[in-house]
Amino acid sequence: MSRYLALLRFCRRSGLSCICKYFLVFTFLLCAFIYFLLKIKLSIDYHYAQVLYQTQRSKICQKKINSTQEKPKLILFWTKIFTNSIDANYINSHLFASPGRCDINRCKVTNNRQELCASDAVVFHARGGIKMNDMPQERSLHQRYVLLTKEPPYKTTAIVGHLNYFFNWTATYRTDSDIAYRYFRWRRKDKIVT
């Protein structure tokens, strides 16, 4: 504000016309308007993310836990992987449900969204069509939301702003991901052929 007043004094002293004064006033008001719009938008985006993505106390899934029996972990694929629907054939051929692909065999994988409250992890494929209007409306405290991608970051920029703080884990090709989902697998060879 003080800079604006200094500019007005400068216009008065230098004898600039009234048009210059109006131009300065218009420029100042335009800059202030843009600044407040950006500030409000960022504030709304942050507030929206807080409300939508944090656990909503009014809509928390209640999962019955049976402590005497260890049940298999339920993994729900919320989105498709690219254009492939997650069905039994896809799971058995591509994921860890088939023998020899994963050391942990107490997992059940599904794409049935009705099992959201019972699921232990909900997986979203970054390039599988994550849409804001298609997100789960309920979230449990015990659930982990996983972002799955084998793509580099520049291919997934569309999700960055909208889904900050939404995912608990990442499953990518990077070794520093929570779940390493690599293009290949190292195997130990018993006999080394030279």
N, C-alpha and C. Protein backbone atom coordinates (compact mmCIF):
# COMPACT_ATOMS: atom_id res chain seq x y z
N MET A 1 0.82 -1.18 0.00
CA MET A 1 0.00 0.00 0.00
C MET A 1 0.87 1.25 0.00
N SER A 2 1.97 1.21 0.74
CA SER A 2 2.84 2.38 0.80
C SER A 2 3.51 2.63 -0.56
N ARG A 3 3.82 1.56 -1.29
CA ARG A 3 4.39 1.74 -2.62
C ARG A 3 3.38 2.40 -3.55
N TYR A 4 2.15 2.00 -3.42
CA TYR A 4 1.09 2.58 -4.25
C TYR A 4 0.96 4.08 -3.97
N LEU A 5 0.97 4.46 -2.68
CA LEU A 5 0.89 5.87 -2.33
C LEU A 5 2.10 6.64 -2.83
N ALA A 6 3.27 6.01 -2.76
CA ALA A 6 4.48 6.65 -3.27
C ALA A 6 4.37 6.88 -4.77
N LEU A 7 3.79 5.93 -5.50
CA LEU A 7 3.60 6.12 -6.94
C LEU A 7 2.63 7.26 -7.23
N LEU A 8 1.56 7.36 -6.44
CA LEU A 8 0.62 8.46 -6.62
C LEU A 8 1.29 9.81 -6.36
N ARG A 9 2.11 9.90 -5.31
CA ARG A 9 2.85 11.14 -5.03
C ARG A 9 3.79 11.47 -6.18
N PHE A 10 4.45 10.43 -6.71
CA PHE A 10 5.36 10.64 -7.84
C PHE A 10 4.61 11.21 -9.03
N CYS A 11 3.41 10.66 -9.31
CA CYS A 11 2.60 11.17 -10.42
C CYS A 11 2.22 12.63 -10.19
N ARG A 12 1.85 12.97 -8.97
CA ARG A 12 1.47 14.35 -8.65
C ARG A 12 2.63 15.31 -8.83
N ARG A 13 3.81 14.92 -8.34
CA ARG A 13 4.99 15.78 -8.42
C ARG A 13 5.48 15.95 -9.85
N SER A 14 5.45 14.86 -10.58
CA SER A 14 5.99 14.93 -11.94
C SER A 14 5.00 15.52 -12.92
N GLY A 15 3.77 15.76 -12.50
CA GLY A 15 2.80 16.39 -13.36
C GLY A 15 2.20 15.45 -14.39
N LEU A 16 2.20 14.16 -14.12
CA LEU A 16 1.60 13.21 -15.05
C LEU A 16 0.09 13.38 -15.05
N SER A 17 -0.49 13.02 -16.13
CA SER A 17 -1.92 13.24 -16.31
C SER A 17 -2.76 12.34 -15.41
N CYS A 18 -4.01 12.63 -15.42
CA CYS A 18 -4.99 11.86 -14.65
C CYS A 18 -5.09 10.43 -15.17
N ILE A 19 -4.84 10.24 -16.46
CA ILE A 19 -4.89 8.90 -17.06
C ILE A 19 -3.84 8.00 -16.42
N CYS A 20 -2.66 8.56 -16.16
CA CYS A 20 -1.60 7.78 -15.51
C CYS A 20 -2.05 7.33 -14.12
N LYS A 21 -2.70 8.23 -13.41
CA LYS A 21 -3.17 7.88 -12.07
C LYS A 21 -4.21 6.75 -12.14
N TYR A 22 -5.14 6.88 -13.08
CA TYR A 22 -6.15 5.83 -13.22
C TYR A 22 -5.52 4.51 -13.64
N PHE A 23 -4.52 4.58 -14.49
CA PHE A 23 -3.82 3.36 -14.91
C PHE A 23 -3.15 2.69 -13.71
N LEU A 24 -2.49 3.49 -12.87
CA LEU A 24 -1.85 2.94 -11.68
C LEU A 24 -2.87 2.33 -10.73
N VAL A 25 -3.98 3.02 -10.54
CA VAL A 25 -5.03 2.49 -9.66
C VAL A 25 -5.58 1.19 -10.22
N PHE A 26 -5.86 1.17 -11.52
CA PHE A 26 -6.37 -0.04 -12.17
C PHE A 26 -5.37 -1.20 -12.04
N THR A 27 -4.09 -0.92 -12.29
CA THR A 27 -3.05 -1.96 -12.19
C THR A 27 -2.96 -2.50 -10.77
N PHE A 28 -2.99 -1.60 -9.80
CA PHE A 28 -2.93 -2.03 -8.40
C PHE A 28 -4.13 -2.92 -8.05
N LEU A 29 -5.31 -2.49 -8.43
CA LEU A 29 -6.51 -3.27 -8.12
C LEU A 29 -6.50 -4.62 -8.84
N LEU A 30 -6.04 -4.65 -10.07
CA LEU A 30 -5.95 -5.90 -10.82
C LEU A 30 -4.97 -6.87 -10.16
N CYS A 31 -3.80 -6.35 -9.77
CA CYS A 31 -2.82 -7.21 -9.09
C CYS A 31 -3.36 -7.73 -7.77
N ALA A 32 -4.02 -6.86 -7.02
CA ALA A 32 -4.60 -7.30 -5.74
C ALA A 32 -5.67 -8.35 -5.97
N PHE A 33 -6.50 -8.16 -6.98
CA PHE A 33 -7.55 -9.13 -7.30
C PHE A 33 -6.96 -10.48 -7.67
N ILE A 34 -5.94 -10.50 -8.52
CA ILE A 34 -5.29 -11.76 -8.92
C ILE A 34 -4.65 -12.43 -7.72
N TYR A 35 -3.97 -11.64 -6.87
CA TYR A 35 -3.33 -12.19 -5.68
C TYR A 35 -4.36 -12.87 -4.77
N PHE A 36 -5.47 -12.20 -4.52
CA PHE A 36 -6.49 -12.77 -3.64
C PHE A 36 -7.16 -13.99 -4.26
N LEU A 37 -7.35 -13.97 -5.58
CA LEU A 37 -7.91 -15.15 -6.25
C LEU A 37 -7.00 -16.36 -6.08
N LEU A 38 -5.71 -16.14 -6.30
CA LEU A 38 -4.76 -17.25 -6.15
C LEU A 38 -4.71 -17.73 -4.70
N LYS A 39 -4.71 -16.79 -3.78
CA LYS A 39 -4.66 -17.17 -2.37
C LYS A 39 -5.92 -17.93 -1.97
N ILE A 40 -7.07 -17.49 -2.43
CA ILE A 40 -8.32 -18.18 -2.11
C ILE A 40 -8.35 -19.56 -2.75
N LYS A 41 -7.89 -19.67 -4.02
CA LYS A 41 -7.88 -20.96 -4.70
C LYS A 41 -6.97 -21.94 -3.97
N LEU A 42 -5.77 -21.49 -3.58
CA LEU A 42 -4.87 -22.38 -2.85
C LEU A 42 -5.47 -22.78 -1.51
N SER A 43 -6.12 -21.83 -0.85
CA SER A 43 -6.75 -22.12 0.43
C SER A 43 -7.89 -23.12 0.25
N ILE A 44 -8.69 -22.94 -0.80
CA ILE A 44 -9.80 -23.86 -1.05
C ILE A 44 -9.27 -25.24 -1.40
N ASP A 45 -8.22 -25.31 -2.26
CA ASP A 45 -7.64 -26.60 -2.62
C ASP A 45 -7.11 -27.32 -1.39
N TYR A 46 -6.41 -26.59 -0.51
CA TYR A 46 -5.87 -27.20 0.70
C TYR A 46 -7.01 -27.68 1.60
N HIS A 47 -8.00 -26.83 1.78
CA HIS A 47 -9.13 -27.21 2.63
C HIS A 47 -9.87 -28.41 2.04
N TYR A 48 -10.08 -28.41 0.72
CA TYR A 48 -10.76 -29.51 0.05
C TYR A 48 -9.98 -30.81 0.25
N ALA A 49 -8.66 -30.74 0.12
CA ALA A 49 -7.84 -31.94 0.31
C ALA A 49 -7.95 -32.43 1.75
N GLN A 50 -7.93 -31.51 2.70
CA GLN A 50 -8.04 -31.90 4.09
C GLN A 50 -9.37 -32.59 4.37
N VAL A 51 -10.45 -32.00 3.86
CA VAL A 51 -11.78 -32.55 4.13
C VAL A 51 -11.99 -33.87 3.41
N LEU A 52 -11.57 -33.94 2.14
CA LEU A 52 -11.85 -35.12 1.34
C LEU A 52 -10.95 -36.29 1.69
N TYR A 53 -9.67 -36.04 1.88
CA TYR A 53 -8.72 -37.13 1.95
C TYR A 53 -8.39 -37.60 3.36
N GLN A 54 -8.60 -36.79 4.33
CA GLN A 54 -8.37 -37.28 5.68
C GLN A 54 -9.56 -38.13 6.09
N THR A 55 -9.35 -38.95 7.04
CA THR A 55 -10.43 -39.82 7.48
C THR A 55 -11.57 -38.99 8.02
N GLN A 56 -12.73 -39.20 7.44
CA GLN A 56 -13.90 -38.45 7.86
C GLN A 56 -14.59 -39.22 8.99
N ARG A 57 -14.69 -38.58 10.11
CA ARG A 57 -15.23 -39.27 11.28
C ARG A 57 -16.68 -39.69 11.09
N SER A 58 -17.40 -38.96 10.27
CA SER A 58 -18.80 -39.31 10.07
C SER A 58 -18.99 -40.47 9.12
N LYS A 59 -17.96 -40.81 8.35
CA LYS A 59 -18.10 -41.87 7.35
C LYS A 59 -17.00 -42.92 7.48
N ILE A 60 -16.59 -43.23 8.67
CA ILE A 60 -15.53 -44.21 8.87
C ILE A 60 -16.12 -45.61 8.73
N CYS A 61 -15.46 -46.43 7.93
CA CYS A 61 -15.86 -47.83 7.81
C CYS A 61 -15.58 -48.53 9.13
N GLN A 62 -16.47 -49.36 9.51
CA GLN A 62 -16.25 -50.16 10.70
C GLN A 62 -15.96 -51.59 10.27
N LYS A 63 -14.77 -52.07 10.57
CA LYS A 63 -14.37 -53.42 10.19
C LYS A 63 -14.36 -54.29 11.45
N LYS A 64 -15.01 -55.42 11.36
CA LYS A 64 -15.00 -56.34 12.48
C LYS A 64 -13.69 -57.11 12.46
N ILE A 65 -12.99 -57.07 13.57
CA ILE A 65 -11.69 -57.74 13.66
C ILE A 65 -11.84 -58.97 14.55
N ASN A 66 -11.47 -60.11 14.02
CA ASN A 66 -11.48 -61.35 14.77
C ASN A 66 -10.04 -61.65 15.15
N SER A 67 -9.70 -61.44 16.40
CA SER A 67 -8.31 -61.56 16.82
C SER A 67 -7.85 -63.01 16.93
N THR A 68 -8.76 -63.95 17.00
CA THR A 68 -8.35 -65.34 17.17
C THR A 68 -7.91 -65.99 15.86
N GLN A 69 -8.37 -65.47 14.74
CA GLN A 69 -8.05 -66.09 13.46
C GLN A 69 -7.44 -65.06 12.53
N GLU A 70 -6.28 -65.38 11.97
CA GLU A 70 -5.59 -64.49 11.04
C GLU A 70 -6.22 -64.64 9.66
N LYS A 71 -6.88 -63.61 9.21
CA LYS A 71 -7.51 -63.65 7.90
C LYS A 71 -6.53 -63.14 6.85
N PRO A 72 -6.72 -63.56 5.61
CA PRO A 72 -5.85 -63.02 4.56
C PRO A 72 -6.12 -61.53 4.36
N LYS A 73 -5.09 -60.82 3.96
CA LYS A 73 -5.24 -59.39 3.70
C LYS A 73 -6.02 -59.21 2.40
N LEU A 74 -6.96 -58.29 2.41
CA LEU A 74 -7.78 -58.02 1.24
C LEU A 74 -7.26 -56.76 0.55
N ILE A 75 -6.90 -56.89 -0.72
CA ILE A 75 -6.39 -55.78 -1.51
C ILE A 75 -7.43 -55.46 -2.58
N LEU A 76 -7.94 -54.24 -2.54
CA LEU A 76 -8.96 -53.80 -3.48
C LEU A 76 -8.32 -52.91 -4.54
N PHE A 77 -8.45 -53.29 -5.81
CA PHE A 77 -8.00 -52.44 -6.91
C PHE A 77 -9.17 -51.54 -7.29
N TRP A 78 -9.04 -50.25 -6.97
CA TRP A 78 -10.13 -49.31 -7.21
C TRP A 78 -10.21 -48.92 -8.68
N THR A 79 -9.07 -48.79 -9.32
CA THR A 79 -9.04 -48.39 -10.73
C THR A 79 -8.53 -49.54 -11.59
N LYS A 80 -8.69 -49.37 -12.89
CA LYS A 80 -8.12 -50.33 -13.83
C LYS A 80 -6.62 -50.09 -13.93
N ILE A 81 -5.91 -51.08 -14.44
CA ILE A 81 -4.50 -50.88 -14.77
C ILE A 81 -4.47 -50.62 -16.26
N PHE A 82 -4.20 -49.37 -16.61
CA PHE A 82 -4.36 -48.86 -17.98
C PHE A 82 -5.80 -49.14 -18.40
N THR A 83 -6.03 -49.98 -19.38
CA THR A 83 -7.41 -50.28 -19.78
C THR A 83 -7.82 -51.67 -19.35
N ASN A 84 -6.96 -52.36 -18.63
CA ASN A 84 -7.24 -53.74 -18.22
C ASN A 84 -8.06 -53.75 -16.93
N SER A 85 -9.17 -54.41 -16.99
CA SER A 85 -9.96 -54.60 -15.79
C SER A 85 -9.28 -55.65 -14.92
N ILE A 86 -9.37 -55.50 -13.64
CA ILE A 86 -8.72 -56.44 -12.72
C ILE A 86 -9.66 -57.62 -12.52
N ASP A 87 -9.35 -58.73 -13.13
CA ASP A 87 -10.13 -59.95 -12.93
C ASP A 87 -9.18 -61.07 -12.54
N ALA A 88 -9.71 -62.25 -12.33
CA ALA A 88 -8.88 -63.37 -11.86
C ALA A 88 -7.76 -63.69 -12.83
N ASN A 89 -8.03 -63.65 -14.12
CA ASN A 89 -6.98 -63.95 -15.10
C ASN A 89 -5.85 -62.93 -15.05
N TYR A 90 -6.20 -61.66 -14.94
CA TYR A 90 -5.18 -60.62 -14.88
C TYR A 90 -4.36 -60.74 -13.59
N ILE A 91 -5.03 -61.00 -12.51
CA ILE A 91 -4.33 -61.13 -11.23
C ILE A 91 -3.36 -62.30 -11.26
N ASN A 92 -3.81 -63.44 -11.74
CA ASN A 92 -2.96 -64.62 -11.76
C ASN A 92 -1.79 -64.49 -12.72
N SER A 93 -1.94 -63.73 -13.78
CA SER A 93 -0.85 -63.65 -14.75
C SER A 93 0.11 -62.49 -14.48
N HIS A 94 -0.33 -61.45 -13.81
CA HIS A 94 0.51 -60.27 -13.66
C HIS A 94 0.93 -59.96 -12.23
N LEU A 95 0.15 -60.36 -11.28
CA LEU A 95 0.41 -59.91 -9.93
C LEU A 95 0.91 -61.04 -9.05
N PHE A 96 1.02 -60.74 -7.78
CA PHE A 96 1.64 -61.67 -6.85
C PHE A 96 0.75 -62.82 -6.42
N ALA A 97 -0.48 -62.88 -6.88
CA ALA A 97 -1.38 -63.95 -6.46
C ALA A 97 -0.97 -65.30 -7.02
N SER A 98 -0.23 -65.29 -8.11
CA SER A 98 0.19 -66.57 -8.68
C SER A 98 1.40 -67.10 -7.91
N PRO A 99 1.57 -68.43 -7.84
CA PRO A 99 2.66 -69.01 -7.08
C PRO A 99 4.02 -68.57 -7.62
N GLY A 100 4.93 -68.33 -6.71
CA GLY A 100 6.29 -67.98 -7.09
C GLY A 100 6.51 -66.50 -7.34
N ARG A 101 5.47 -65.70 -7.34
CA ARG A 101 5.64 -64.27 -7.61
C ARG A 101 5.83 -63.46 -6.33
N CYS A 102 5.33 -63.96 -5.24
CA CYS A 102 5.42 -63.20 -4.00
C CYS A 102 5.61 -64.18 -2.84
N ASP A 103 6.45 -63.80 -1.90
CA ASP A 103 6.68 -64.65 -0.74
C ASP A 103 5.47 -64.68 0.20
N ILE A 104 4.68 -63.66 0.15
CA ILE A 104 3.50 -63.59 1.00
C ILE A 104 2.32 -64.14 0.22
N ASN A 105 1.68 -65.17 0.76
CA ASN A 105 0.58 -65.80 0.02
C ASN A 105 -0.74 -65.72 0.79
N ARG A 106 -0.82 -64.83 1.75
CA ARG A 106 -2.05 -64.68 2.51
C ARG A 106 -2.81 -63.43 2.06
N CYS A 107 -2.84 -63.19 0.77
CA CYS A 107 -3.54 -62.02 0.24
C CYS A 107 -4.68 -62.44 -0.67
N LYS A 108 -5.73 -61.68 -0.61
CA LYS A 108 -6.84 -61.86 -1.54
C LYS A 108 -6.98 -60.55 -2.30
N VAL A 109 -7.04 -60.65 -3.62
CA VAL A 109 -7.12 -59.46 -4.47
C VAL A 109 -8.50 -59.41 -5.11
N THR A 110 -9.10 -58.23 -5.12
CA THR A 110 -10.42 -58.08 -5.70
C THR A 110 -10.55 -56.72 -6.37
N ASN A 111 -11.56 -56.60 -7.22
CA ASN A 111 -11.92 -55.29 -7.77
C ASN A 111 -13.37 -54.94 -7.43
N ASN A 112 -13.95 -55.69 -6.52
CA ASN A 112 -15.32 -55.48 -6.09
C ASN A 112 -15.36 -54.31 -5.10
N ARG A 113 -15.90 -53.20 -5.53
CA ARG A 113 -15.92 -51.99 -4.70
C ARG A 113 -16.83 -52.12 -3.49
N GLN A 114 -17.69 -53.11 -3.49
CA GLN A 114 -18.56 -53.34 -2.33
C GLN A 114 -17.76 -53.79 -1.12
N GLU A 115 -16.54 -54.26 -1.34
CA GLU A 115 -15.69 -54.73 -0.26
C GLU A 115 -14.75 -53.65 0.26
N LEU A 116 -15.07 -52.39 0.00
CA LEU A 116 -14.21 -51.28 0.42
C LEU A 116 -13.97 -51.29 1.92
N CYS A 117 -15.02 -51.41 2.70
CA CYS A 117 -14.87 -51.36 4.15
C CYS A 117 -14.07 -52.52 4.71
N ALA A 118 -14.11 -53.65 4.03
CA ALA A 118 -13.39 -54.84 4.51
C ALA A 118 -11.95 -54.88 4.01
N SER A 119 -11.60 -54.04 3.06
CA SER A 119 -10.26 -54.13 2.45
C SER A 119 -9.19 -53.53 3.36
N ASP A 120 -8.01 -54.13 3.28
CA ASP A 120 -6.87 -53.64 4.05
C ASP A 120 -6.06 -52.61 3.26
N ALA A 121 -6.08 -52.74 1.94
CA ALA A 121 -5.39 -51.78 1.08
C ALA A 121 -6.26 -51.51 -0.13
N VAL A 122 -6.24 -50.26 -0.57
CA VAL A 122 -6.97 -49.85 -1.77
C VAL A 122 -5.93 -49.31 -2.74
N VAL A 123 -5.86 -49.93 -3.91
CA VAL A 123 -4.82 -49.60 -4.89
C VAL A 123 -5.42 -48.77 -6.02
N PHE A 124 -4.72 -47.68 -6.35
CA PHE A 124 -5.11 -46.81 -7.45
C PHE A 124 -3.96 -46.77 -8.45
N HIS A 125 -4.24 -47.14 -9.69
CA HIS A 125 -3.22 -47.07 -10.72
C HIS A 125 -3.18 -45.64 -11.25
N ALA A 126 -2.00 -45.04 -11.26
CA ALA A 126 -1.87 -43.63 -11.62
C ALA A 126 -2.36 -43.33 -13.02
N ARG A 127 -2.17 -44.26 -13.94
CA ARG A 127 -2.59 -44.04 -15.32
C ARG A 127 -3.88 -44.80 -15.62
N GLY A 128 -4.56 -45.26 -14.60
CA GLY A 128 -5.77 -46.04 -14.81
C GLY A 128 -7.06 -45.26 -14.69
N GLY A 129 -6.97 -43.97 -14.72
CA GLY A 129 -8.18 -43.17 -14.70
C GLY A 129 -8.62 -42.74 -13.32
N ILE A 130 -7.72 -42.14 -12.55
CA ILE A 130 -8.09 -41.61 -11.24
C ILE A 130 -8.91 -40.35 -11.47
N LYS A 131 -10.15 -40.38 -11.01
CA LYS A 131 -11.05 -39.23 -11.19
C LYS A 131 -11.55 -38.79 -9.82
N MET A 132 -11.60 -37.50 -9.63
CA MET A 132 -12.01 -36.96 -8.33
C MET A 132 -13.43 -37.36 -7.96
N ASN A 133 -14.31 -37.47 -8.96
CA ASN A 133 -15.69 -37.82 -8.65
C ASN A 133 -15.90 -39.32 -8.51
N ASP A 134 -14.83 -40.09 -8.63
CA ASP A 134 -14.92 -41.55 -8.53
C ASP A 134 -14.10 -42.08 -7.36
N MET A 135 -13.82 -41.23 -6.39
CA MET A 135 -13.03 -41.64 -5.24
C MET A 135 -13.93 -42.29 -4.18
N PRO A 136 -13.36 -43.15 -3.34
CA PRO A 136 -14.16 -43.75 -2.27
C PRO A 136 -14.71 -42.67 -1.34
N GLN A 137 -15.93 -42.86 -0.92
CA GLN A 137 -16.57 -41.90 -0.02
C GLN A 137 -16.31 -42.23 1.44
N GLU A 138 -15.82 -43.43 1.69
CA GLU A 138 -15.53 -43.86 3.06
C GLU A 138 -14.07 -44.28 3.13
N ARG A 139 -13.51 -44.13 4.31
CA ARG A 139 -12.13 -44.54 4.51
C ARG A 139 -11.96 -44.99 5.95
N SER A 140 -11.30 -46.10 6.12
CA SER A 140 -11.11 -46.66 7.45
C SER A 140 -9.73 -46.30 7.97
N LEU A 141 -9.61 -46.26 9.27
CA LEU A 141 -8.32 -45.94 9.88
C LEU A 141 -7.26 -47.00 9.59
N HIS A 142 -7.67 -48.24 9.42
CA HIS A 142 -6.70 -49.32 9.21
C HIS A 142 -6.27 -49.46 7.75
N GLN A 143 -6.95 -48.81 6.83
CA GLN A 143 -6.67 -48.99 5.40
C GLN A 143 -5.44 -48.21 4.96
N ARG A 144 -4.77 -48.77 3.97
CA ARG A 144 -3.67 -48.09 3.30
C ARG A 144 -4.09 -47.83 1.87
N TYR A 145 -3.97 -46.58 1.44
CA TYR A 145 -4.25 -46.23 0.06
C TYR A 145 -2.91 -46.21 -0.67
N VAL A 146 -2.85 -46.96 -1.77
CA VAL A 146 -1.58 -47.18 -2.47
C VAL A 146 -1.67 -46.60 -3.87
N LEU A 147 -0.67 -45.80 -4.23
CA LEU A 147 -0.54 -45.30 -5.60
C LEU A 147 0.39 -46.25 -6.35
N LEU A 148 -0.14 -46.87 -7.39
CA LEU A 148 0.61 -47.86 -8.17
C LEU A 148 0.96 -47.27 -9.52
N THR A 149 2.24 -47.30 -9.87
CA THR A 149 2.65 -46.85 -11.20
C THR A 149 4.04 -47.39 -11.52
N LYS A 150 4.23 -47.65 -12.79
CA LYS A 150 5.57 -47.97 -13.28
C LYS A 150 6.07 -46.86 -14.20
N GLU A 151 5.33 -45.77 -14.22
CA GLU A 151 5.66 -44.65 -15.10
C GLU A 151 6.57 -43.66 -14.37
N PRO A 152 7.38 -42.92 -15.12
CA PRO A 152 8.19 -41.87 -14.51
C PRO A 152 7.31 -40.70 -14.08
N PRO A 153 7.81 -39.85 -13.20
CA PRO A 153 6.99 -38.76 -12.66
C PRO A 153 6.39 -37.83 -13.71
N TYR A 154 7.08 -37.56 -14.80
CA TYR A 154 6.53 -36.62 -15.77
C TYR A 154 5.30 -37.17 -16.48
N LYS A 155 5.06 -38.48 -16.39
CA LYS A 155 3.86 -39.07 -16.98
C LYS A 155 2.67 -39.02 -16.01
N THR A 156 2.92 -38.69 -14.76
CA THR A 156 1.85 -38.71 -13.76
C THR A 156 1.64 -37.35 -13.11
N THR A 157 1.95 -36.29 -13.81
CA THR A 157 1.82 -34.96 -13.21
C THR A 157 0.38 -34.56 -12.96
N ALA A 158 -0.56 -35.18 -13.64
CA ALA A 158 -1.97 -34.79 -13.48
C ALA A 158 -2.49 -35.08 -12.08
N ILE A 159 -1.89 -36.01 -11.37
CA ILE A 159 -2.41 -36.37 -10.05
C ILE A 159 -1.74 -35.62 -8.92
N VAL A 160 -0.68 -34.90 -9.21
CA VAL A 160 0.10 -34.30 -8.13
C VAL A 160 -0.70 -33.31 -7.30
N GLY A 161 -1.29 -32.32 -7.92
CA GLY A 161 -1.98 -31.28 -7.16
C GLY A 161 -3.26 -31.75 -6.52
N HIS A 162 -3.97 -32.63 -7.18
CA HIS A 162 -5.29 -33.03 -6.69
C HIS A 162 -5.22 -34.03 -5.54
N LEU A 163 -4.17 -34.81 -5.50
CA LEU A 163 -4.16 -35.93 -4.56
C LEU A 163 -3.02 -35.86 -3.55
N ASN A 164 -2.57 -34.67 -3.22
CA ASN A 164 -1.56 -34.56 -2.17
C ASN A 164 -2.13 -35.08 -0.86
N TYR A 165 -1.35 -35.85 -0.14
CA TYR A 165 -1.70 -36.41 1.16
C TYR A 165 -2.84 -37.42 1.10
N PHE A 166 -3.14 -37.91 -0.07
CA PHE A 166 -4.22 -38.89 -0.21
C PHE A 166 -3.71 -40.31 -0.01
N PHE A 167 -2.52 -40.59 -0.52
CA PHE A 167 -1.98 -41.95 -0.49
C PHE A 167 -1.07 -42.15 0.71
N ASN A 168 -1.18 -43.35 1.31
CA ASN A 168 -0.29 -43.71 2.41
C ASN A 168 1.01 -44.30 1.89
N TRP A 169 0.91 -45.08 0.83
CA TRP A 169 2.07 -45.78 0.28
C TRP A 169 2.17 -45.55 -1.22
N THR A 170 3.37 -45.81 -1.73
CA THR A 170 3.57 -45.81 -3.18
C THR A 170 4.11 -47.17 -3.59
N ALA A 171 3.70 -47.62 -4.76
CA ALA A 171 4.23 -48.85 -5.35
C ALA A 171 4.73 -48.47 -6.74
N THR A 172 6.02 -48.25 -6.85
CA THR A 172 6.61 -47.82 -8.12
C THR A 172 7.85 -48.65 -8.41
N TYR A 173 8.48 -48.34 -9.54
CA TYR A 173 9.71 -49.03 -9.92
C TYR A 173 10.89 -48.56 -9.09
N ARG A 174 10.74 -47.49 -8.35
CA ARG A 174 11.86 -46.93 -7.59
C ARG A 174 12.13 -47.77 -6.34
N THR A 175 13.40 -47.84 -5.99
CA THR A 175 13.77 -48.65 -4.83
C THR A 175 13.39 -47.98 -3.51
N ASP A 176 13.14 -46.68 -3.51
CA ASP A 176 12.75 -46.01 -2.28
C ASP A 176 11.23 -45.94 -2.10
N SER A 177 10.48 -46.65 -2.93
CA SER A 177 9.03 -46.74 -2.75
C SER A 177 8.71 -47.62 -1.56
N ASP A 178 7.51 -47.47 -1.06
CA ASP A 178 7.07 -48.34 0.03
C ASP A 178 6.97 -49.79 -0.44
N ILE A 179 6.50 -49.97 -1.66
CA ILE A 179 6.42 -51.30 -2.27
C ILE A 179 7.19 -51.23 -3.58
N ALA A 180 8.22 -52.03 -3.70
CA ALA A 180 9.02 -52.04 -4.93
C ALA A 180 8.29 -52.86 -5.98
N TYR A 181 7.85 -52.20 -7.02
CA TYR A 181 7.09 -52.82 -8.10
C TYR A 181 7.93 -52.66 -9.37
N ARG A 182 8.93 -53.50 -9.48
CA ARG A 182 9.95 -53.31 -10.50
C ARG A 182 9.58 -53.98 -11.81
N TYR A 183 10.36 -53.63 -12.82
CA TYR A 183 10.20 -54.22 -14.14
C TYR A 183 10.80 -55.62 -14.20
N PHE A 184 11.65 -55.93 -13.26
CA PHE A 184 12.33 -57.22 -13.27
C PHE A 184 12.51 -57.70 -11.83
N ARG A 185 13.00 -58.92 -11.71
CA ARG A 185 13.23 -59.49 -10.38
C ARG A 185 14.59 -60.16 -10.38
N TRP A 186 15.36 -59.90 -9.34
CA TRP A 186 16.65 -60.56 -9.18
C TRP A 186 16.41 -61.93 -8.57
N ARG A 187 17.07 -62.92 -9.12
CA ARG A 187 16.99 -64.27 -8.55
C ARG A 187 18.39 -64.77 -8.27
N ARG A 188 18.48 -65.47 -7.18
CA ARG A 188 19.77 -66.04 -6.82
C ARG A 188 19.96 -67.34 -7.57
N LYS A 189 21.11 -67.48 -8.15
CA LYS A 189 21.44 -68.71 -8.87
C LYS A 189 22.32 -69.57 -8.00
N ASP A 190 21.95 -70.83 -7.88
CA ASP A 190 22.76 -71.74 -7.08
C ASP A 190 24.06 -72.10 -7.79
N LYS A 191 23.94 -72.37 -9.07
CA LYS A 191 25.13 -72.74 -9.84
C LYS A 191 25.48 -71.61 -10.80
N ILE A 192 26.67 -71.12 -10.67
CA ILE A 192 27.13 -70.08 -11.57
C ILE A 192 27.91 -70.74 -12.69
N VAL A 193 27.46 -70.51 -13.90
CA VAL A 193 28.12 -71.09 -15.07
C VAL A 193 29.16 -70.10 -15.56
N THR A 194 30.39 -70.61 -15.70
CA THR A 194 31.45 -69.71 -16.19
C THR A 194 31.94 -70.11 -17.55
